[in-house]
Amino acid sequence: MDTITTIANLISSLGFPIVCTCILFYLYIKEKDKNSVLMTYIQKNTEILEDLKQIIQEVMSKNG
């Protein structure tokens, strides 16, 4: 409830568009951080898949 009161006070003192813009900016920053973590995981998975591809190609050429 305290958060709602704080937001209501901010809206009454600053105005609805300013508060909405600040909240959207905050949410954008949070999503950007999540995306950077996900990109790190994707890059690591890509490196592992490339290594696995190389190993499979070596095994196939030895058995082939």
PDB file of N, CA and C in Angstrom:
ATOM      1  N   MET A   1       0.816  -1.198   0.000  1.00  0.00           N
ATOM      2  CA  MET A   1       0.000   0.000   0.000  1.00  0.00           C
ATOM      3  C   MET A   1       0.859   1.261   0.000  1.00  0.00           C
ATOM      4  N   ASP A   2       2.003   1.161   0.610  1.00  0.00           N
ATOM      5  CA  ASP A   2       2.884   2.323   0.687  1.00  0.00           C
ATOM      6  C   ASP A   2       3.325   2.770  -0.710  1.00  0.00           C
ATOM      7  N   THR A   3       3.546   1.814  -1.593  1.00  0.00           N
ATOM      8  CA  THR A   3       3.969   2.136  -2.951  1.00  0.00           C
ATOM      9  C   THR A   3       2.874   2.900  -3.686  1.00  0.00           C
ATOM     10  N   ILE A   4       1.639   2.462  -3.507  1.00  0.00           N
ATOM     11  CA  ILE A   4       0.518   3.134  -4.172  1.00  0.00           C
ATOM     12  C   ILE A   4       0.381   4.564  -3.678  1.00  0.00           C
ATOM     13  N   THR A   5       0.554   4.758  -2.383  1.00  0.00           N
ATOM     14  CA  THR A   5       0.478   6.105  -1.810  1.00  0.00           C
ATOM     15  C   THR A   5       1.595   6.987  -2.370  1.00  0.00           C
ATOM     16  N   THR A   6       2.785   6.415  -2.467  1.00  0.00           N
ATOM     17  CA  THR A   6       3.921   7.168  -3.001  1.00  0.00           C
ATOM     18  C   THR A   6       3.668   7.570  -4.451  1.00  0.00           C
ATOM     19  N   ILE A   7       3.163   6.626  -5.255  1.00  0.00           N
ATOM     20  CA  ILE A   7       2.885   6.932  -6.654  1.00  0.00           C
ATOM     21  C   ILE A   7       1.789   7.989  -6.762  1.00  0.00           C
ATOM     22  N   ALA A   8       0.761   7.872  -5.930  1.00  0.00           N
ATOM     23  CA  ALA A   8      -0.321   8.865  -5.962  1.00  0.00           C
ATOM     24  C   ALA A   8       0.205  10.249  -5.586  1.00  0.00           C
ATOM     25  N   ASN A   9       1.088  10.314  -4.609  1.00  0.00           N
ATOM     26  CA  ASN A   9       1.679  11.599  -4.219  1.00  0.00           C
ATOM     27  C   ASN A   9       2.538  12.179  -5.344  1.00  0.00           C
ATOM     28  N   LEU A  10       3.301  11.312  -6.003  1.00  0.00           N
ATOM     29  CA  LEU A  10       4.133  11.786  -7.116  1.00  0.00           C
ATOM     30  C   LEU A  10       3.278  12.303  -8.257  1.00  0.00           C
ATOM     31  N   ILE A  11       2.200  11.593  -8.565  1.00  0.00           N
ATOM     32  CA  ILE A  11       1.313  12.030  -9.648  1.00  0.00           C
ATOM     33  C   ILE A  11       0.694  13.378  -9.319  1.00  0.00           C
ATOM     34  N   SER A  12       0.291  13.544  -8.069  1.00  0.00           N
ATOM     35  CA  SER A  12      -0.348  14.817  -7.714  1.00  0.00           C
ATOM     36  C   SER A  12       0.651  15.970  -7.692  1.00  0.00           C
ATOM     37  N   SER A  13       1.912  15.690  -7.379  1.00  0.00           N
ATOM     38  CA  SER A  13       2.881  16.781  -7.311  1.00  0.00           C
ATOM     39  C   SER A  13       3.589  17.023  -8.646  1.00  0.00           C
ATOM     40  N   LEU A  14       3.916  15.953  -9.398  1.00  0.00           N
ATOM     41  CA  LEU A  14       4.669  16.112 -10.645  1.00  0.00           C
ATOM     42  C   LEU A  14       3.790  16.076 -11.891  1.00  0.00           C
ATOM     43  N   GLY A  15       2.765  15.295 -11.842  1.00  0.00           N
ATOM     44  CA  GLY A  15       1.898  15.131 -13.007  1.00  0.00           C
ATOM     45  C   GLY A  15       1.991  13.724 -13.553  1.00  0.00           C
ATOM     46  N   PHE A  16       0.891  13.273 -14.127  1.00  0.00           N
ATOM     47  CA  PHE A  16       0.787  11.907 -14.622  1.00  0.00           C
ATOM     48  C   PHE A  16       1.804  11.582 -15.722  1.00  0.00           C
ATOM     49  N   PRO A  17       1.985  12.414 -16.743  1.00  0.00           N
ATOM     50  CA  PRO A  17       2.929  12.062 -17.814  1.00  0.00           C
ATOM     51  C   PRO A  17       4.372  11.915 -17.329  1.00  0.00           C
ATOM     52  N   ILE A  18       4.787  12.758 -16.410  1.00  0.00           N
ATOM     53  CA  ILE A  18       6.161  12.686 -15.911  1.00  0.00           C
ATOM     54  C   ILE A  18       6.371  11.401 -15.125  1.00  0.00           C
ATOM     55  N   VAL A  19       5.428  11.059 -14.265  1.00  0.00           N
ATOM     56  CA  VAL A  19       5.546   9.840 -13.466  1.00  0.00           C
ATOM     57  C   VAL A  19       5.531   8.610 -14.373  1.00  0.00           C
ATOM     58  N   CYS A  20       4.645   8.595 -15.368  1.00  0.00           N
ATOM     59  CA  CYS A  20       4.595   7.465 -16.304  1.00  0.00           C
ATOM     60  C   CYS A  20       5.906   7.328 -17.073  1.00  0.00           C
ATOM     61  N   THR A  21       6.469   8.437 -17.492  1.00  0.00           N
ATOM     62  CA  THR A  21       7.740   8.401 -18.209  1.00  0.00           C
ATOM     63  C   THR A  21       8.844   7.830 -17.323  1.00  0.00           C
ATOM     64  N   CYS A  22       8.889   8.239 -16.079  1.00  0.00           N
ATOM     65  CA  CYS A  22       9.903   7.726 -15.155  1.00  0.00           C
ATOM     66  C   CYS A  22       9.734   6.230 -14.900  1.00  0.00           C
ATOM     67  N   ILE A  23       8.483   5.795 -14.743  1.00  0.00           N
ATOM     68  CA  ILE A  23       8.232   4.369 -14.518  1.00  0.00           C
ATOM     69  C   ILE A  23       8.625   3.561 -15.753  1.00  0.00           C
ATOM     70  N   LEU A  24       8.281   4.055 -16.943  1.00  0.00           N
ATOM     71  CA  LEU A  24       8.653   3.355 -18.161  1.00  0.00           C
ATOM     72  C   LEU A  24      10.164   3.292 -18.337  1.00  0.00           C
ATOM     73  N   PHE A  25      10.869   4.349 -17.988  1.00  0.00           N
ATOM     74  CA  PHE A  25      12.322   4.356 -18.061  1.00  0.00           C
ATOM     75  C   PHE A  25      12.913   3.323 -17.101  1.00  0.00           C
ATOM     76  N   TYR A  26      12.360   3.250 -15.901  1.00  0.00           N
ATOM     77  CA  TYR A  26      12.817   2.269 -14.914  1.00  0.00           C
ATOM     78  C   TYR A  26      12.600   0.847 -15.440  1.00  0.00           C
ATOM     79  N   LEU A  27      11.439   0.578 -16.010  1.00  0.00           N
ATOM     80  CA  LEU A  27      11.152  -0.749 -16.551  1.00  0.00           C
ATOM     81  C   LEU A  27      12.061  -1.068 -17.739  1.00  0.00           C
ATOM     82  N   TYR A  28      12.369  -0.063 -18.550  1.00  0.00           N
ATOM     83  CA  TYR A  28      13.276  -0.257 -19.684  1.00  0.00           C
ATOM     84  C   TYR A  28      14.668  -0.668 -19.207  1.00  0.00           C
ATOM     85  N   ILE A  29      15.159  -0.007 -18.170  1.00  0.00           N
ATOM     86  CA  ILE A  29      16.484  -0.331 -17.635  1.00  0.00           C
ATOM     87  C   ILE A  29      16.501  -1.758 -17.081  1.00  0.00           C
ATOM     88  N   LYS A  30      15.448  -2.164 -16.380  1.00  0.00           N
ATOM     89  CA  LYS A  30      15.375  -3.518 -15.840  1.00  0.00           C
ATOM     90  C   LYS A  30      15.382  -4.548 -16.960  1.00  0.00           C
ATOM     91  N   GLU A  31      14.638  -4.302 -18.019  1.00  0.00           N
ATOM     92  CA  GLU A  31      14.598  -5.237 -19.147  1.00  0.00           C
ATOM     93  C   GLU A  31      15.938  -5.291 -19.868  1.00  0.00           C
ATOM     94  N   LYS A  32      16.598  -4.150 -19.968  1.00  0.00           N
ATOM     95  CA  LYS A  32      17.904  -4.106 -20.624  1.00  0.00           C
ATOM     96  C   LYS A  32      18.902  -4.969 -19.861  1.00  0.00           C
ATOM     97  N   ASP A  33      18.856  -4.919 -18.541  1.00  0.00           N
ATOM     98  CA  ASP A  33      19.744  -5.750 -17.728  1.00  0.00           C
ATOM     99  C   ASP A  33      19.437  -7.240 -17.923  1.00  0.00           C
ATOM    100  N   LYS A  34      18.156  -7.583 -17.962  1.00  0.00           N
ATOM    101  CA  LYS A  34      17.776  -8.979 -18.188  1.00  0.00           C
ATOM    102  C   LYS A  34      18.263  -9.448 -19.549  1.00  0.00           C
ATOM    103  N   ASN A  35      18.123  -8.594 -20.555  1.00  0.00           N
ATOM    104  CA  ASN A  35      18.535  -8.966 -21.905  1.00  0.00           C
ATOM    105  C   ASN A  35      20.035  -9.161 -22.002  1.00  0.00           C
ATOM    106  N   SER A  36      20.808  -8.360 -21.278  1.00  0.00           N
ATOM    107  CA  SER A  36      22.264  -8.526 -21.336  1.00  0.00           C
ATOM    108  C   SER A  36      22.679  -9.853 -20.702  1.00  0.00           C
ATOM    109  N   VAL A  37      21.992 -10.261 -19.646  1.00  0.00           N
ATOM    110  CA  VAL A  37      22.283 -11.552 -19.029  1.00  0.00           C
ATOM    111  C   VAL A  37      21.914 -12.679 -19.993  1.00  0.00           C
ATOM    112  N   LEU A  38      20.770 -12.564 -20.636  1.00  0.00           N
ATOM    113  CA  LEU A  38      20.358 -13.583 -21.599  1.00  0.00           C
ATOM    114  C   LEU A  38      21.328 -13.660 -22.776  1.00  0.00           C
ATOM    115  N   MET A  39      21.800 -12.537 -23.242  1.00  0.00           N
ATOM    116  CA  MET A  39      22.753 -12.536 -24.352  1.00  0.00           C
ATOM    117  C   MET A  39      24.045 -13.239 -23.959  1.00  0.00           C
ATOM    118  N   THR A  40      24.477 -13.076 -22.711  1.00  0.00           N
ATOM    119  CA  THR A  40      25.674 -13.765 -22.229  1.00  0.00           C
ATOM    120  C   THR A  40      25.463 -15.275 -22.280  1.00  0.00           C
ATOM    121  N   TYR A  41      24.297 -15.738 -21.817  1.00  0.00           N
ATOM    122  CA  TYR A  41      23.993 -17.167 -21.859  1.00  0.00           C
ATOM    123  C   TYR A  41      23.929 -17.682 -23.294  1.00  0.00           C
ATOM    124  N   ILE A  42      23.359 -16.902 -24.181  1.00  0.00           N
ATOM    125  CA  ILE A  42      23.262 -17.319 -25.580  1.00  0.00           C
ATOM    126  C   ILE A  42      24.646 -17.422 -26.201  1.00  0.00           C
ATOM    127  N   GLN A  43      25.523 -16.470 -25.894  1.00  0.00           N
ATOM    128  CA  GLN A  43      26.881 -16.517 -26.433  1.00  0.00           C
ATOM    129  C   GLN A  43      27.636 -17.734 -25.918  1.00  0.00           C
ATOM    130  N   LYS A  44      27.475 -18.045 -24.641  1.00  0.00           N
ATOM    131  CA  LYS A  44      28.140 -19.230 -24.077  1.00  0.00           C
ATOM    132  C   LYS A  44      27.608 -20.500 -24.723  1.00  0.00           C
ATOM    133  N   ASN A  45      26.293 -20.581 -24.917  1.00  0.00           N
ATOM    134  CA  ASN A  45      25.709 -21.754 -25.565  1.00  0.00           C
ATOM    135  C   ASN A  45      26.199 -21.890 -27.000  1.00  0.00           C
ATOM    136  N   THR A  46      26.348 -20.780 -27.690  1.00  0.00           N
ATOM    137  CA  THR A  46      26.841 -20.816 -29.066  1.00  0.00           C
ATOM    138  C   THR A  46      28.268 -21.354 -29.108  1.00  0.00           C
ATOM    139  N   GLU A  47      29.101 -20.908 -28.178  1.00  0.00           N
ATOM    140  CA  GLU A  47      30.481 -21.402 -28.123  1.00  0.00           C
ATOM    141  C   GLU A  47      30.508 -22.903 -27.859  1.00  0.00           C
ATOM    142  N   ILE A  48      29.674 -23.375 -26.954  1.00  0.00           N
ATOM    143  CA  ILE A  48      29.626 -24.802 -26.637  1.00  0.00           C
ATOM    144  C   ILE A  48      29.149 -25.599 -27.848  1.00  0.00           C
ATOM    145  N   LEU A  49      28.135 -25.093 -28.542  1.00  0.00           N
ATOM    146  CA  LEU A  49      27.646 -25.788 -29.734  1.00  0.00           C
ATOM    147  C   LEU A  49      28.703 -25.847 -30.830  1.00  0.00           C
ATOM    148  N   GLU A  50      29.476 -24.794 -30.983  1.00  0.00           N
ATOM    149  CA  GLU A  50      30.552 -24.799 -31.978  1.00  0.00           C
ATOM    150  C   GLU A  50      31.608 -25.833 -31.618  1.00  0.00           C
ATOM    151  N   ASP A  51      31.936 -25.932 -30.320  1.00  0.00           N
ATOM    152  CA  ASP A  51      32.892 -26.944 -29.875  1.00  0.00           C
ATOM    153  C   ASP A  51      32.350 -28.350 -30.135  1.00  0.00           C
ATOM    154  N   LEU A  52      31.072 -28.565 -29.836  1.00  0.00           N
ATOM    155  CA  LEU A  52      30.465 -29.871 -30.083  1.00  0.00           C
ATOM    156  C   LEU A  52      30.451 -30.212 -31.570  1.00  0.00           C
ATOM    157  N   LYS A  53      30.197 -29.241 -32.393  1.00  0.00           N
ATOM    158  CA  LYS A  53      30.205 -29.454 -33.836  1.00  0.00           C
ATOM    159  C   LYS A  53      31.585 -29.886 -34.301  1.00  0.00           C
ATOM    160  N   GLN A  54      32.590 -29.228 -33.770  1.00  0.00           N
ATOM    161  CA  GLN A  54      33.962 -29.559 -34.134  1.00  0.00           C
ATOM    162  C   GLN A  54      34.316 -30.980 -33.696  1.00  0.00           C
ATOM    163  N   ILE A  55      33.913 -31.349 -32.487  1.00  0.00           N
ATOM    164  CA  ILE A  55      34.187 -32.696 -31.976  1.00  0.00           C
ATOM    165  C   ILE A  55      33.474 -33.740 -32.828  1.00  0.00           C
ATOM    166  N   ILE A  56      32.221 -33.488 -33.173  1.00  0.00           N
ATOM    167  CA  ILE A  56      31.459 -34.430 -33.998  1.00  0.00           C
ATOM    168  C   ILE A  56      32.098 -34.584 -35.369  1.00  0.00           C
ATOM    169  N   GLN A  57      32.563 -33.479 -35.951  1.00  0.00           N
ATOM    170  CA  GLN A  57      33.205 -33.554 -37.255  1.00  0.00           C
ATOM    171  C   GLN A  57      34.507 -34.373 -37.183  1.00  0.00           C
ATOM    172  N   GLU A  58      35.263 -34.216 -36.099  1.00  0.00           N
ATOM    173  CA  GLU A  58      36.495 -34.980 -35.934  1.00  0.00           C
ATOM    174  C   GLU A  58      36.194 -36.470 -35.798  1.00  0.00           C
ATOM    175  N   VAL A  59      35.173 -36.804 -35.015  1.00  0.00           N
ATOM    176  CA  VAL A  59      34.812 -38.213 -34.830  1.00  0.00           C
ATOM    177  C   VAL A  59      34.317 -38.796 -36.145  1.00  0.00           C
ATOM    178  N   MET A  60      33.529 -38.051 -36.867  1.00  0.00           N
ATOM    179  CA  MET A  60      32.999 -38.533 -38.141  1.00  0.00           C
ATOM    180  C   MET A  60      34.128 -38.744 -39.168  1.00  0.00           C
ATOM    181  N   SER A  61      35.108 -37.848 -39.175  1.00  0.00           N
ATOM    182  CA  SER A  61      36.212 -38.000 -40.143  1.00  0.00           C
ATOM    183  C   SER A  61      37.114 -39.183 -39.775  1.00  0.00           C
ATOM    184  N   LYS A  62      37.250 -39.496 -38.492  1.00  0.00           N
ATOM    185  CA  LYS A  62      38.070 -40.651 -38.073  1.00  0.00           C
ATOM    186  C   LYS A  62      37.344 -41.963 -38.369  1.00  0.00           C
ATOM    187  N   ASN A  63      36.035 -41.977 -38.224  1.00  0.00           N
ATOM    188  CA  ASN A  63      35.273 -43.198 -38.453  1.00  0.00           C
ATOM    189  C   ASN A  63      34.846 -43.358 -39.905  1.00  0.00           C
ATOM    190  N   GLY A  64      34.861 -42.269 -40.627  1.00  0.00           N
ATOM    191  CA  GLY A  64      34.297 -42.203 -41.938  1.00  0.00           C
ATOM    192  C   GLY A  64      34.906 -42.860 -43.058  1.00  0.00           C
TER     193      GLY A  64
END
